[in-house]
Amino acid sequence: IGGSVILESIFSINGMGLLFYQAALSRDYPVIMGILIITAFLTLFGNVLADLILLKLNPYFKKEKKITF
Protein backbone atom coordinates (compact mmCIF):
# COMPACT_ATOMS: atom_id res chain seq x y z
CA ILE A 1 0.00 0.00 0.00
CA GLY A 2 2.88 2.36 0.75
CA GLY A 3 4.49 2.04 -2.66
CA SER A 4 1.21 2.54 -4.46
CA VAL A 5 0.82 5.99 -2.85
CA ILE A 6 4.10 7.10 -4.44
CA LEU A 7 3.22 5.72 -7.88
CA GLU A 8 -0.26 7.22 -7.75
CA SER A 9 1.20 10.63 -6.85
CA ILE A 10 3.78 10.53 -9.65
CA PHE A 11 1.33 9.47 -12.37
CA SER A 12 -1.72 11.35 -10.95
CA ILE A 13 -3.80 8.19 -10.68
CA ASN A 14 -6.51 7.93 -8.06
CA GLY A 15 -6.33 4.48 -6.52
CA MET A 16 -6.39 2.41 -3.36
CA GLY A 17 -3.12 3.81 -2.00
CA LEU A 18 -4.31 7.40 -2.18
CA LEU A 19 -7.68 6.39 -0.74
CA PHE A 20 -5.93 4.64 2.14
CA TYR A 21 -3.69 7.66 2.76
CA GLN A 22 -6.61 10.08 2.79
CA ALA A 23 -8.64 7.77 5.03
CA ALA A 24 -5.74 7.53 7.47
CA LEU A 25 -5.39 11.32 7.59
CA SER A 26 -9.11 11.80 8.21
CA ARG A 27 -9.31 8.77 10.57
CA ASP A 28 -11.96 7.05 8.48
CA TYR A 29 -11.66 3.64 10.13
CA PRO A 30 -14.28 1.72 8.08
CA VAL A 31 -12.46 2.63 4.84
CA ILE A 32 -9.09 1.68 6.34
CA MET A 33 -10.43 -1.69 7.52
CA GLY A 34 -12.06 -2.32 4.15
CA ILE A 35 -8.84 -1.64 2.26
CA LEU A 36 -6.87 -3.87 4.63
CA ILE A 37 -9.38 -6.72 4.21
CA ILE A 38 -9.30 -6.40 0.41
CA THR A 39 -5.48 -6.34 0.45
CA ALA A 40 -5.34 -9.41 2.72
CA PHE A 41 -7.81 -11.30 0.50
CA LEU A 42 -5.89 -10.46 -2.68
CA THR A 43 -2.62 -11.53 -1.04
CA LEU A 44 -4.15 -14.82 0.09
CA PHE A 45 -5.66 -15.43 -3.36
CA GLY A 46 -2.31 -14.69 -5.03
CA ASN A 47 -0.47 -17.11 -2.76
CA VAL A 48 -2.99 -19.90 -3.36
CA LEU A 49 -2.85 -19.27 -7.11
CA ALA A 50 0.96 -19.36 -7.08
CA ASP A 51 0.91 -22.64 -5.14
CA LEU A 52 -1.53 -24.20 -7.62
CA ILE A 53 0.57 -23.08 -10.59
CA LEU A 54 3.71 -24.45 -8.93
CA LEU A 55 1.96 -27.75 -8.27
CA LYS A 56 0.86 -27.96 -11.92
CA LEU A 57 4.23 -27.02 -13.46
CA ASN A 58 6.72 -28.72 -11.15
CA PRO A 59 6.87 -32.50 -11.67
CA TYR A 60 8.72 -32.97 -8.36
CA PHE A 61 5.53 -32.37 -6.39
CA LYS A 62 3.56 -34.91 -8.42
CA LYS A 63 5.58 -37.86 -7.14
CA GLU A 64 4.23 -39.54 -4.06
CA LYS A 65 6.91 -40.13 -1.50
CA LYS A 66 6.28 -42.60 1.25
CA ILE A 67 7.85 -41.97 4.59
CA THR A 68 9.56 -45.00 6.07
CA PHE A 69 10.77 -45.24 9.62
PDB file of N, CA and C in Angstrom:
ATOM      1  N   ILE A   1       0.841  -1.180   0.000  1.00  0.00           N
ATOM      2  CA  ILE A   1       0.000   0.000   0.000  1.00  0.00           C
ATOM      3  C   ILE A   1       0.885   1.242   0.000  1.00  0.00           C
ATOM      4  N   GLY A   2       2.011   1.191   0.675  1.00  0.00           N
ATOM      5  CA  GLY A   2       2.881   2.359   0.753  1.00  0.00           C
ATOM      6  C   GLY A   2       3.485   2.742  -0.581  1.00  0.00           C
ATOM      7  N   GLY A   3       3.909   1.756  -1.360  1.00  0.00           N
ATOM      8  CA  GLY A   3       4.491   2.044  -2.665  1.00  0.00           C
ATOM      9  C   GLY A   3       3.474   2.534  -3.667  1.00  0.00           C
ATOM     10  N   SER A   4       2.239   2.105  -3.515  1.00  0.00           N
ATOM     11  CA  SER A   4       1.207   2.544  -4.455  1.00  0.00           C
ATOM     12  C   SER A   4       0.893   4.021  -4.281  1.00  0.00           C
ATOM     13  N   VAL A   5       1.045   4.551  -3.079  1.00  0.00           N
ATOM     14  CA  VAL A   5       0.817   5.986  -2.854  1.00  0.00           C
ATOM     15  C   VAL A   5       1.813   6.799  -3.667  1.00  0.00           C
ATOM     16  N   ILE A   6       3.062   6.374  -3.691  1.00  0.00           N
ATOM     17  CA  ILE A   6       4.098   7.098  -4.437  1.00  0.00           C
ATOM     18  C   ILE A   6       3.821   7.031  -5.932  1.00  0.00           C
ATOM     19  N   LEU A   7       3.506   5.846  -6.447  1.00  0.00           N
ATOM     20  CA  LEU A   7       3.220   5.716  -7.877  1.00  0.00           C
ATOM     21  C   LEU A   7       1.978   6.496  -8.283  1.00  0.00           C
ATOM     22  N   GLU A   8       0.966   6.480  -7.441  1.00  0.00           N
ATOM     23  CA  GLU A   8      -0.258   7.217  -7.750  1.00  0.00           C
ATOM     24  C   GLU A   8      -0.012   8.718  -7.729  1.00  0.00           C
ATOM     25  N   SER A   9       0.889   9.193  -6.862  1.00  0.00           N
ATOM     26  CA  SER A   9       1.197  10.626  -6.848  1.00  0.00           C
ATOM     27  C   SER A   9       1.994  11.027  -8.082  1.00  0.00           C
ATOM     28  N   ILE A  10       2.946  10.195  -8.493  1.00  0.00           N
ATOM     29  CA  ILE A  10       3.778  10.529  -9.651  1.00  0.00           C
ATOM     30  C   ILE A  10       2.944  10.569 -10.920  1.00  0.00           C
ATOM     31  N   PHE A  11       2.086   9.571 -11.126  1.00  0.00           N
ATOM     32  CA  PHE A  11       1.329   9.472 -12.369  1.00  0.00           C
ATOM     33  C   PHE A  11      -0.077  10.064 -12.273  1.00  0.00           C
ATOM     34  N   SER A  12      -0.408  10.706 -11.165  1.00  0.00           N
ATOM     35  CA  SER A  12      -1.722  11.346 -10.954  1.00  0.00           C
ATOM     36  C   SER A  12      -2.877  10.372 -11.183  1.00  0.00           C
ATOM     37  N   ILE A  13      -2.763   9.207 -10.575  1.00  0.00           N
ATOM     38  CA  ILE A  13      -3.802   8.186 -10.677  1.00  0.00           C
ATOM     39  C   ILE A  13      -4.476   8.074  -9.314  1.00  0.00           C
ATOM     40  N   ASN A  14      -5.787   8.146  -9.307  1.00  0.00           N
ATOM     41  CA  ASN A  14      -6.508   7.928  -8.058  1.00  0.00           C
ATOM     42  C   ASN A  14      -6.709   6.431  -7.872  1.00  0.00           C
ATOM     43  N   GLY A  15      -6.225   5.913  -6.753  1.00  0.00           N
ATOM     44  CA  GLY A  15      -6.330   4.476  -6.521  1.00  0.00           C
ATOM     45  C   GLY A  15      -6.452   4.159  -5.047  1.00  0.00           C
ATOM     46  N   MET A  16      -6.214   2.887  -4.729  1.00  0.00           N
ATOM     47  CA  MET A  16      -6.387   2.407  -3.362  1.00  0.00           C
ATOM     48  C   MET A  16      -5.355   3.011  -2.407  1.00  0.00           C
ATOM     49  N   GLY A  17      -4.147   3.237  -2.870  1.00  0.00           N
ATOM     50  CA  GLY A  17      -3.119   3.814  -2.004  1.00  0.00           C
ATOM     51  C   GLY A  17      -3.474   5.218  -1.561  1.00  0.00           C
ATOM     52  N   LEU A  18      -3.909   6.040  -2.505  1.00  0.00           N
ATOM     53  CA  LEU A  18      -4.315   7.404  -2.177  1.00  0.00           C
ATOM     54  C   LEU A  18      -5.548   7.402  -1.285  1.00  0.00           C
ATOM     55  N   LEU A  19      -6.484   6.508  -1.568  1.00  0.00           N
ATOM     56  CA  LEU A  19      -7.680   6.392  -0.736  1.00  0.00           C
ATOM     57  C   LEU A  19      -7.308   5.994   0.688  1.00  0.00           C
ATOM     58  N   PHE A  20      -6.377   5.060   0.818  1.00  0.00           N
ATOM     59  CA  PHE A  20      -5.925   4.638   2.141  1.00  0.00           C
ATOM     60  C   PHE A  20      -5.238   5.785   2.874  1.00  0.00           C
ATOM     61  N   TYR A  21      -4.404   6.525   2.171  1.00  0.00           N
ATOM     62  CA  TYR A  21      -3.688   7.657   2.764  1.00  0.00           C
ATOM     63  C   TYR A  21      -4.659   8.730   3.245  1.00  0.00           C
ATOM     64  N   GLN A  22      -5.632   9.067   2.407  1.00  0.00           N
ATOM     65  CA  GLN A  22      -6.613  10.084   2.789  1.00  0.00           C
ATOM     66  C   GLN A  22      -7.494   9.600   3.939  1.00  0.00           C
ATOM     67  N   ALA A  23      -7.839   8.326   3.940  1.00  0.00           N
ATOM     68  CA  ALA A  23      -8.644   7.773   5.030  1.00  0.00           C
ATOM     69  C   ALA A  23      -7.857   7.773   6.337  1.00  0.00           C
ATOM     70  N   ALA A  24      -6.561   7.512   6.258  1.00  0.00           N
ATOM     71  CA  ALA A  24      -5.737   7.529   7.466  1.00  0.00           C
ATOM     72  C   ALA A  24      -5.620   8.946   8.017  1.00  0.00           C
ATOM     73  N   LEU A  25      -5.479   9.928   7.127  1.00  0.00           N
ATOM     74  CA  LEU A  25      -5.394  11.316   7.588  1.00  0.00           C
ATOM     75  C   LEU A  25      -6.693  11.790   8.223  1.00  0.00           C
ATOM     76  N   SER A  26      -7.819  11.353   7.676  1.00  0.00           N
ATOM     77  CA  SER A  26      -9.108  11.796   8.210  1.00  0.00           C
ATOM     78  C   SER A  26      -9.678  10.823   9.246  1.00  0.00           C
ATOM     79  N   ARG A  27      -8.911   9.788   9.579  1.00  0.00           N
ATOM     80  CA  ARG A  27      -9.309   8.770  10.567  1.00  0.00           C
ATOM     81  C   ARG A  27     -10.644   8.119  10.215  1.00  0.00           C
ATOM     82  N   ASP A  28     -10.754   7.731   8.972  1.00  0.00           N
ATOM     83  CA  ASP A  28     -11.958   7.048   8.481  1.00  0.00           C
ATOM     84  C   ASP A  28     -11.725   5.542   8.622  1.00  0.00           C
ATOM     85  N   TYR A  29     -12.009   5.018   9.794  1.00  0.00           N
ATOM     86  CA  TYR A  29     -11.665   3.638  10.127  1.00  0.00           C
ATOM     87  C   TYR A  29     -12.380   2.581   9.285  1.00  0.00           C
ATOM     88  N   PRO A  30     -13.655   2.740   8.929  1.00  0.00           N
ATOM     89  CA  PRO A  30     -14.277   1.721   8.075  1.00  0.00           C
ATOM     90  C   PRO A  30     -13.594   1.580   6.711  1.00  0.00           C
ATOM     91  N   VAL A  31     -13.157   2.696   6.139  1.00  0.00           N
ATOM     92  CA  VAL A  31     -12.457   2.629   4.845  1.00  0.00           C
ATOM     93  C   VAL A  31     -11.101   1.955   5.017  1.00  0.00           C
ATOM     94  N   ILE A  32     -10.399   2.291   6.083  1.00  0.00           N
ATOM     95  CA  ILE A  32      -9.092   1.677   6.344  1.00  0.00           C
ATOM     96  C   ILE A  32      -9.238   0.167   6.516  1.00  0.00           C
ATOM     97  N   MET A  33     -10.220  -0.259   7.303  1.00  0.00           N
ATOM     98  CA  MET A  33     -10.428  -1.692   7.516  1.00  0.00           C
ATOM     99  C   MET A  33     -10.838  -2.392   6.223  1.00  0.00           C
ATOM    100  N   GLY A  34     -11.659  -1.738   5.426  1.00  0.00           N
ATOM    101  CA  GLY A  34     -12.063  -2.322   4.146  1.00  0.00           C
ATOM    102  C   GLY A  34     -10.886  -2.526   3.214  1.00  0.00           C
ATOM    103  N   ILE A  35     -10.015  -1.524   3.120  1.00  0.00           N
ATOM    104  CA  ILE A  35      -8.837  -1.641   2.257  1.00  0.00           C
ATOM    105  C   ILE A  35      -7.905  -2.733   2.768  1.00  0.00           C
ATOM    106  N   LEU A  36      -7.734  -2.829   4.077  1.00  0.00           N
ATOM    107  CA  LEU A  36      -6.871  -3.875   4.632  1.00  0.00           C
ATOM    108  C   LEU A  36      -7.442  -5.270   4.387  1.00  0.00           C
ATOM    109  N   ILE A  37      -8.752  -5.416   4.478  1.00  0.00           N
ATOM    110  CA  ILE A  37      -9.379  -6.716   4.210  1.00  0.00           C
ATOM    111  C   ILE A  37      -9.233  -7.091   2.740  1.00  0.00           C
ATOM    112  N   ILE A  38      -9.456  -6.127   1.848  1.00  0.00           N
ATOM    113  CA  ILE A  38      -9.299  -6.396   0.412  1.00  0.00           C
ATOM    114  C   ILE A  38      -7.860  -6.774   0.099  1.00  0.00           C
ATOM    115  N   THR A  39      -6.900  -6.049   0.679  1.00  0.00           N
ATOM    116  CA  THR A  39      -5.485  -6.344   0.453  1.00  0.00           C
ATOM    117  C   THR A  39      -5.123  -7.730   0.980  1.00  0.00           C
ATOM    118  N   ALA A  40      -5.623  -8.085   2.155  1.00  0.00           N
ATOM    119  CA  ALA A  40      -5.344  -9.410   2.718  1.00  0.00           C
ATOM    120  C   ALA A  40      -5.945 -10.511   1.851  1.00  0.00           C
ATOM    121  N   PHE A  41      -7.177 -10.303   1.359  1.00  0.00           N
ATOM    122  CA  PHE A  41      -7.814 -11.296   0.504  1.00  0.00           C
ATOM    123  C   PHE A  41      -7.048 -11.472  -0.806  1.00  0.00           C
ATOM    124  N   LEU A  42      -6.632 -10.368  -1.416  1.00  0.00           N
ATOM    125  CA  LEU A  42      -5.888 -10.463  -2.676  1.00  0.00           C
ATOM    126  C   LEU A  42      -4.530 -11.131  -2.470  1.00  0.00           C
ATOM    127  N   THR A  43      -3.887 -10.873  -1.342  1.00  0.00           N
ATOM    128  CA  THR A  43      -2.616 -11.532  -1.036  1.00  0.00           C
ATOM    129  C   THR A  43      -2.814 -13.033  -0.853  1.00  0.00           C
ATOM    130  N   LEU A  44      -3.838 -13.406  -0.114  1.00  0.00           N
ATOM    131  CA  LEU A  44      -4.146 -14.821   0.091  1.00  0.00           C
ATOM    132  C   LEU A  44      -4.474 -15.507  -1.228  1.00  0.00           C
ATOM    133  N   PHE A  45      -5.293 -14.868  -2.059  1.00  0.00           N
ATOM    134  CA  PHE A  45      -5.657 -15.429  -3.358  1.00  0.00           C
ATOM    135  C   PHE A  45      -4.424 -15.588  -4.247  1.00  0.00           C
ATOM    136  N   GLY A  46      -3.533 -14.604  -4.233  1.00  0.00           N
ATOM    137  CA  GLY A  46      -2.311 -14.686  -5.031  1.00  0.00           C
ATOM    138  C   GLY A  46      -1.408 -15.814  -4.583  1.00  0.00           C
ATOM    139  N   ASN A  47      -1.297 -16.019  -3.275  1.00  0.00           N
ATOM    140  CA  ASN A  47      -0.467 -17.110  -2.765  1.00  0.00           C
ATOM    141  C   ASN A  47      -1.045 -18.475  -3.116  1.00  0.00           C
ATOM    142  N   VAL A  48      -2.353 -18.625  -3.000  1.00  0.00           N
ATOM    143  CA  VAL A  48      -2.990 -19.896  -3.361  1.00  0.00           C
ATOM    144  C   VAL A  48      -2.830 -20.155  -4.855  1.00  0.00           C
ATOM    145  N   LEU A  49      -3.012 -19.128  -5.665  1.00  0.00           N
ATOM    146  CA  LEU A  49      -2.851 -19.268  -7.113  1.00  0.00           C
ATOM    147  C   LEU A  49      -1.415 -19.645  -7.473  1.00  0.00           C
ATOM    148  N   ALA A  50      -0.440 -19.024  -6.828  1.00  0.00           N
ATOM    149  CA  ALA A  50       0.961 -19.358  -7.080  1.00  0.00           C
ATOM    150  C   ALA A  50       1.264 -20.796  -6.678  1.00  0.00           C
ATOM    151  N   ASP A  51       0.706 -21.255  -5.566  1.00  0.00           N
ATOM    152  CA  ASP A  51       0.907 -22.644  -5.142  1.00  0.00           C
ATOM    153  C   ASP A  51       0.291 -23.627  -6.132  1.00  0.00           C
ATOM    154  N   LEU A  52      -0.890 -23.312  -6.643  1.00  0.00           N
ATOM    155  CA  LEU A  52      -1.530 -24.197  -7.618  1.00  0.00           C
ATOM    156  C   LEU A  52      -0.751 -24.248  -8.928  1.00  0.00           C
ATOM    157  N   ILE A  53      -0.237 -23.110  -9.367  1.00  0.00           N
ATOM    158  CA  ILE A  53       0.567 -23.085 -10.595  1.00  0.00           C
ATOM    159  C   ILE A  53       1.857 -23.866 -10.388  1.00  0.00           C
ATOM    160  N   LEU A  54       2.489 -23.705  -9.225  1.00  0.00           N
ATOM    161  CA  LEU A  54       3.710 -24.448  -8.930  1.00  0.00           C
ATOM    162  C   LEU A  54       3.439 -25.947  -8.903  1.00  0.00           C
ATOM    163  N   LEU A  55       2.330 -26.343  -8.323  1.00  0.00           N
ATOM    164  CA  LEU A  55       1.963 -27.753  -8.269  1.00  0.00           C
ATOM    165  C   LEU A  55       1.740 -28.312  -9.669  1.00  0.00           C
ATOM    166  N   LYS A  56       1.145 -27.512 -10.551  1.00  0.00           N
ATOM    167  CA  LYS A  56       0.863 -27.959 -11.918  1.00  0.00           C
ATOM    168  C   LYS A  56       2.140 -28.049 -12.755  1.00  0.00           C
ATOM    169  N   LEU A  57       3.058 -27.099 -12.586  1.00  0.00           N
ATOM    170  CA  LEU A  57       4.228 -27.023 -13.456  1.00  0.00           C
ATOM    171  C   LEU A  57       5.431 -27.826 -12.973  1.00  0.00           C
ATOM    172  N   ASN A  58       5.548 -28.056 -11.684  1.00  0.00           N
ATOM    173  CA  ASN A  58       6.723 -28.718 -11.152  1.00  0.00           C
ATOM    174  C   ASN A  58       6.457 -30.216 -10.986  1.00  0.00           C
ATOM    175  N   PRO A  59       7.133 -31.059 -11.758  1.00  0.00           N
ATOM    176  CA  PRO A  59       6.874 -32.504 -11.670  1.00  0.00           C
ATOM    177  C   PRO A  59       7.357 -33.120 -10.352  1.00  0.00           C
ATOM    178  N   TYR A  60       8.216 -32.437  -9.629  1.00  0.00           N
ATOM    179  CA  TYR A  60       8.720 -32.973  -8.364  1.00  0.00           C
ATOM    180  C   TYR A  60       7.590 -33.167  -7.355  1.00  0.00           C
ATOM    181  N   PHE A  61       6.620 -32.281  -7.358  1.00  0.00           N
ATOM    182  CA  PHE A  61       5.535 -32.365  -6.393  1.00  0.00           C
ATOM    183  C   PHE A  61       4.495 -33.411  -6.765  1.00  0.00           C
ATOM    184  N   LYS A  62       4.538 -33.912  -7.989  1.00  0.00           N
ATOM    185  CA  LYS A  62       3.558 -34.908  -8.417  1.00  0.00           C
ATOM    186  C   LYS A  62       3.906 -36.306  -7.919  1.00  0.00           C
ATOM    187  N   LYS A  63       5.165 -36.540  -7.607  1.00  0.00           N
ATOM    188  CA  LYS A  63       5.575 -37.860  -7.141  1.00  0.00           C
ATOM    189  C   LYS A  63       5.125 -38.049  -5.702  1.00  0.00           C
ATOM    190  N   GLU A  64       4.603 -39.221  -5.438  1.00  0.00           N
ATOM    191  CA  GLU A  64       4.228 -39.541  -4.063  1.00  0.00           C
ATOM    192  C   GLU A  64       5.437 -40.153  -3.373  1.00  0.00           C
ATOM    193  N   LYS A  65       5.792 -39.582  -2.273  1.00  0.00           N
ATOM    194  CA  LYS A  65       6.905 -40.126  -1.504  1.00  0.00           C
ATOM    195  C   LYS A  65       6.354 -40.705  -0.220  1.00  0.00           C
ATOM    196  N   LYS A  66       6.726 -41.943   0.030  1.00  0.00           N
ATOM    197  CA  LYS A  66       6.278 -42.598   1.248  1.00  0.00           C
ATOM    198  C   LYS A  66       7.359 -42.441   2.305  1.00  0.00           C
ATOM    199  N   ILE A  67       6.918 -42.140   3.485  1.00  0.00           N
ATOM    200  CA  ILE A  67       7.846 -41.967   4.593  1.00  0.00           C
ATOM    201  C   ILE A  67       8.029 -43.316   5.279  1.00  0.00           C
ATOM    202  N   THR A  68       9.264 -43.736   5.381  1.00  0.00           N
ATOM    203  CA  THR A  68       9.564 -44.998   6.066  1.00  0.00           C
ATOM    204  C   THR A  68      10.352 -44.687   7.326  1.00  0.00           C
ATOM    205  N   PHE A  69      10.077 -45.448   8.350  1.00  0.00           N
ATOM    206  CA  PHE A  69      10.769 -45.236   9.622  1.00  0.00           C
ATOM    207  C   PHE A  69      11.706 -46.363   9.907  1.00  0.00           C
TER     208      PHE A  69
END
